Amino acid sequence: MRTSEMALGADQAQWLKQYYFMRAAFSVAWVIAALAIAPSSAVIAAPLLVAYPAWDAAANYLDALWSGGLNQNRTQGLNVLVSLATTIAVILALQVSMNWVLGIFGAWAILSGLLQLGTAVRRWKRLGAQWAMVLSGGQSALAGGFFIFQAATPAVPSIANVAGYAAVGAIYFLVSAVWLTVGDWRRSAAL
């Protein structure tokens, strides 16, 4: 591997560490707001439900740009589009019912999870430390199916249904960031 390729790989790993920590921090803050404030206020729950897929679109776009652009990161480009469409769909579904909102989140969790899985598999060989992102993508797709099932029941879901999903996502992002950090420490210690 040439020196320039090694530097690019190191820069990419550094970016991913920061990105994964940022994603974990946002998700933790979102879950805290969703569980502490939103259950007692639909006025707060609605913007939080809209913000979650909107944030995912922005984060995937930013990551794609830092990782060589949208042309080199097609799964993330598709994820941006899916998350933007989900944001709009959630806004519309909020006018109908929380069951519709949860169904929309379910479809989004399936699609975005599979796209995240594709991104992680693509990155694995080059950057390593992607096993948690692979698990996260697969788990997201499974959770999406469960959301769709829940949305079809007569029980009225709440933002807490989505908060559990977001909390698990935060853990996966945190594990990935820590795994990359530990890998850096090991490489530094070996030198």
Protein backbone atom coordinates (compact mmCIF):
# COMPACT_ATOMS: atom_id res chain seq x y z
CA MET A 1 0.00 0.00 0.00
CA ARG A 2 1.38 3.41 -0.93
CA THR A 3 1.97 6.09 1.70
CA SER A 4 -0.81 8.27 0.25
CA GLU A 5 -3.28 5.36 0.45
CA MET A 6 -2.23 4.66 4.05
CA ALA A 7 -2.75 8.33 4.96
CA LEU A 8 -6.16 8.30 3.27
CA GLY A 9 -7.10 5.16 5.22
CA ALA A 10 -5.96 6.79 8.49
CA ASP A 11 -7.93 9.95 7.69
CA GLN A 12 -10.98 7.85 6.86
CA ALA A 13 -10.68 5.89 10.11
CA GLN A 14 -10.32 9.14 12.07
CA TRP A 15 -13.41 10.56 10.35
CA LEU A 16 -15.42 7.40 11.08
CA LYS A 17 -14.46 7.53 14.74
CA GLN A 18 -15.72 11.11 15.02
CA TYR A 19 -18.78 10.32 12.93
CA TYR A 20 -19.75 7.30 15.01
CA PHE A 21 -19.29 9.23 18.28
CA MET A 22 -21.42 12.06 16.82
CA ARG A 23 -24.15 9.64 15.76
CA ALA A 24 -24.13 7.99 19.21
CA ALA A 25 -24.33 11.38 20.98
CA PHE A 26 -27.27 12.54 18.85
CA SER A 27 -29.14 9.29 19.42
CA VAL A 28 -28.59 9.41 23.18
CA ALA A 29 -29.82 13.02 23.32
CA TRP A 30 -32.82 12.12 21.14
CA VAL A 31 -33.72 9.14 23.35
CA ILE A 32 -33.46 11.24 26.51
CA ALA A 33 -35.75 13.88 25.01
CA ALA A 34 -38.14 11.23 23.69
CA LEU A 35 -38.45 9.44 27.02
CA ALA A 36 -38.19 12.37 29.44
CA ILE A 37 -40.19 15.10 27.71
CA ALA A 38 -42.09 13.82 24.68
CA PRO A 39 -44.43 11.26 26.31
CA SER A 40 -46.28 14.08 28.05
CA SER A 41 -46.32 16.43 25.07
CA ALA A 42 -47.41 15.71 21.51
CA VAL A 43 -46.10 19.17 20.64
CA ILE A 44 -42.58 17.93 21.46
CA ALA A 45 -42.99 14.34 20.24
CA ALA A 46 -43.98 15.36 16.70
CA PRO A 47 -40.84 17.41 15.93
CA LEU A 48 -38.67 14.71 17.50
CA LEU A 49 -40.25 12.07 15.25
CA VAL A 50 -39.62 14.28 12.21
CA ALA A 51 -36.07 15.16 13.32
CA TYR A 52 -34.90 11.55 13.64
CA PRO A 53 -35.02 10.55 9.94
CA ALA A 54 -34.04 14.10 8.92
CA TRP A 55 -30.90 13.79 11.05
CA ASP A 56 -30.18 10.40 9.50
CA ALA A 57 -30.37 11.95 6.02
CA ALA A 58 -28.01 14.77 7.00
CA ALA A 59 -25.58 12.42 8.75
CA ASN A 60 -25.44 10.01 5.80
CA TYR A 61 -24.92 12.90 3.41
CA LEU A 62 -22.08 14.29 5.53
CA ASP A 63 -20.46 10.86 5.86
CA ALA A 64 -20.68 10.25 2.11
CA LEU A 65 -19.04 13.60 1.40
CA TRP A 66 -16.21 12.89 3.86
CA SER A 67 -15.82 9.40 2.43
CA GLY A 68 -15.20 10.29 -1.21
CA GLY A 69 -18.54 11.70 -2.33
CA LEU A 70 -21.94 10.34 -3.23
CA ASN A 71 -20.71 8.64 -6.43
CA GLN A 72 -18.35 6.43 -4.41
CA ASN A 73 -20.92 5.83 -1.67
CA ARG A 74 -24.12 4.90 -3.46
CA THR A 75 -25.64 3.06 -0.51
CA GLN A 76 -25.35 6.22 1.54
CA GLY A 77 -26.72 8.33 -1.30
CA LEU A 78 -29.75 6.04 -1.41
CA ASN A 79 -29.99 6.22 2.37
CA VAL A 80 -30.11 10.02 2.17
CA LEU A 81 -33.03 9.81 -0.27
CA VAL A 82 -34.85 7.16 1.79
CA SER A 83 -34.43 9.21 4.98
CA LEU A 84 -35.62 12.43 3.31
CA ALA A 85 -38.68 10.63 1.92
CA THR A 86 -39.29 9.19 5.40
CA THR A 87 -39.09 12.65 6.94
CA ILE A 88 -41.82 13.86 4.59
CA ALA A 89 -43.88 10.71 5.13
CA VAL A 90 -43.66 11.12 8.93
CA ILE A 91 -44.88 14.71 8.66
CA LEU A 92 -47.89 13.48 6.68
CA ALA A 93 -48.48 10.41 8.87
CA LEU A 94 -48.56 12.57 12.01
CA GLN A 95 -51.78 14.04 10.60
CA VAL A 96 -53.33 10.55 10.49
CA SER A 97 -52.22 8.47 13.50
CA MET A 98 -49.25 7.18 15.48
CA ASN A 99 -49.91 3.76 13.96
CA TRP A 100 -49.16 5.24 10.56
CA VAL A 101 -46.07 6.94 11.94
CA LEU A 102 -44.79 3.67 13.39
CA GLY A 103 -45.49 1.91 10.08
CA ILE A 104 -43.47 4.56 8.24
CA PHE A 105 -40.65 4.14 10.76
CA GLY A 106 -40.83 0.39 10.17
CA ALA A 107 -40.44 0.69 6.41
CA TRP A 108 -37.62 3.18 6.94
CA ALA A 109 -35.85 0.95 9.46
CA ILE A 110 -35.89 -1.91 6.96
CA LEU A 111 -34.59 0.13 4.03
CA SER A 112 -32.06 2.22 5.93
CA GLY A 113 -30.86 -0.84 7.85
CA LEU A 114 -30.18 -2.77 4.65
CA LEU A 115 -28.40 0.24 3.16
CA GLN A 116 -26.32 0.65 6.34
CA LEU A 117 -25.48 -3.04 6.15
CA GLY A 118 -24.30 -2.55 2.55
CA THR A 119 -22.17 0.44 3.55
CA ALA A 120 -20.58 -1.48 6.43
CA VAL A 121 -19.78 -4.52 4.29
CA ARG A 122 -18.17 -2.25 1.67
CA ARG A 123 -16.04 -0.53 4.33
CA TRP A 124 -15.11 -3.64 6.30
CA LYS A 125 -12.14 -4.79 4.23
CA ARG A 126 -10.64 -1.32 3.90
CA LEU A 127 -11.25 0.06 7.38
CA GLY A 128 -12.18 -2.85 9.63
CA ALA A 129 -14.22 -2.39 12.82
CA GLN A 130 -17.50 -2.61 10.91
CA TRP A 131 -18.97 -5.70 12.56
CA ALA A 132 -21.16 -3.57 14.85
CA MET A 133 -22.47 -1.62 11.86
CA VAL A 134 -23.26 -4.89 10.08
CA LEU A 135 -25.18 -6.07 13.15
CA SER A 136 -26.87 -2.68 13.45
CA GLY A 137 -28.05 -2.76 9.84
CA GLY A 138 -29.42 -6.27 10.22
CA GLN A 139 -31.08 -5.48 13.54
CA SER A 140 -32.61 -2.33 12.06
CA ALA A 141 -34.22 -4.33 9.26
CA LEU A 142 -35.63 -6.84 11.78
CA ALA A 143 -36.91 -4.04 14.05
CA GLY A 144 -38.58 -2.46 11.03
CA GLY A 145 -40.59 -5.61 10.46
CA PHE A 146 -41.62 -5.60 14.11
CA PHE A 147 -42.66 -1.91 13.84
CA ILE A 148 -44.86 -2.69 10.85
CA PHE A 149 -46.46 -5.56 12.77
CA GLN A 150 -47.05 -3.28 15.81
CA ALA A 151 -48.47 -0.53 13.60
CA ALA A 152 -51.12 -2.93 12.28
CA THR A 153 -52.42 -3.71 15.77
CA PRO A 154 -55.20 -1.69 17.42
CA ALA A 155 -52.87 -0.50 20.21
CA VAL A 156 -51.77 3.09 19.78
CA PRO A 157 -47.96 3.30 19.80
CA SER A 158 -45.97 6.21 21.19
CA ILE A 159 -42.59 7.76 20.67
CA ALA A 160 -41.28 5.28 23.26
CA ASN A 161 -41.60 2.53 20.61
CA VAL A 162 -39.08 4.39 18.46
CA ALA A 163 -36.90 5.42 21.42
CA GLY A 164 -35.90 1.83 22.14
CA TYR A 165 -34.81 1.42 18.53
CA ALA A 166 -32.81 4.66 18.70
CA ALA A 167 -31.16 3.58 21.96
CA VAL A 168 -29.94 0.33 20.41
CA GLY A 169 -28.64 2.31 17.43
CA ALA A 170 -26.72 4.60 19.80
CA ILE A 171 -25.06 1.57 21.37
CA TYR A 172 -23.98 0.22 17.97
CA PHE A 173 -22.50 3.59 16.95
CA LEU A 174 -20.71 3.89 20.29
CA VAL A 175 -19.30 0.36 20.03
CA SER A 176 -18.01 1.10 16.52
CA ALA A 177 -16.36 4.34 17.64
CA VAL A 178 -14.73 2.66 20.63
CA TRP A 179 -13.62 -0.30 18.50
CA LEU A 180 -11.89 2.08 16.05
CA THR A 181 -10.30 3.96 18.95
CA VAL A 182 -8.96 0.77 20.53
CA GLY A 183 -7.61 -0.30 17.13
CA ASP A 184 -5.73 3.01 16.90
CA TRP A 185 -4.28 2.51 20.38
CA ARG A 186 -3.14 -1.00 19.51
CA ARG A 187 -1.46 0.16 16.32
CA SER A 188 0.25 3.01 18.18
CA ALA A 189 1.47 0.66 20.91
CA ALA A 190 2.86 -1.76 18.32
CA LEU A 191 5.04 0.95 16.75
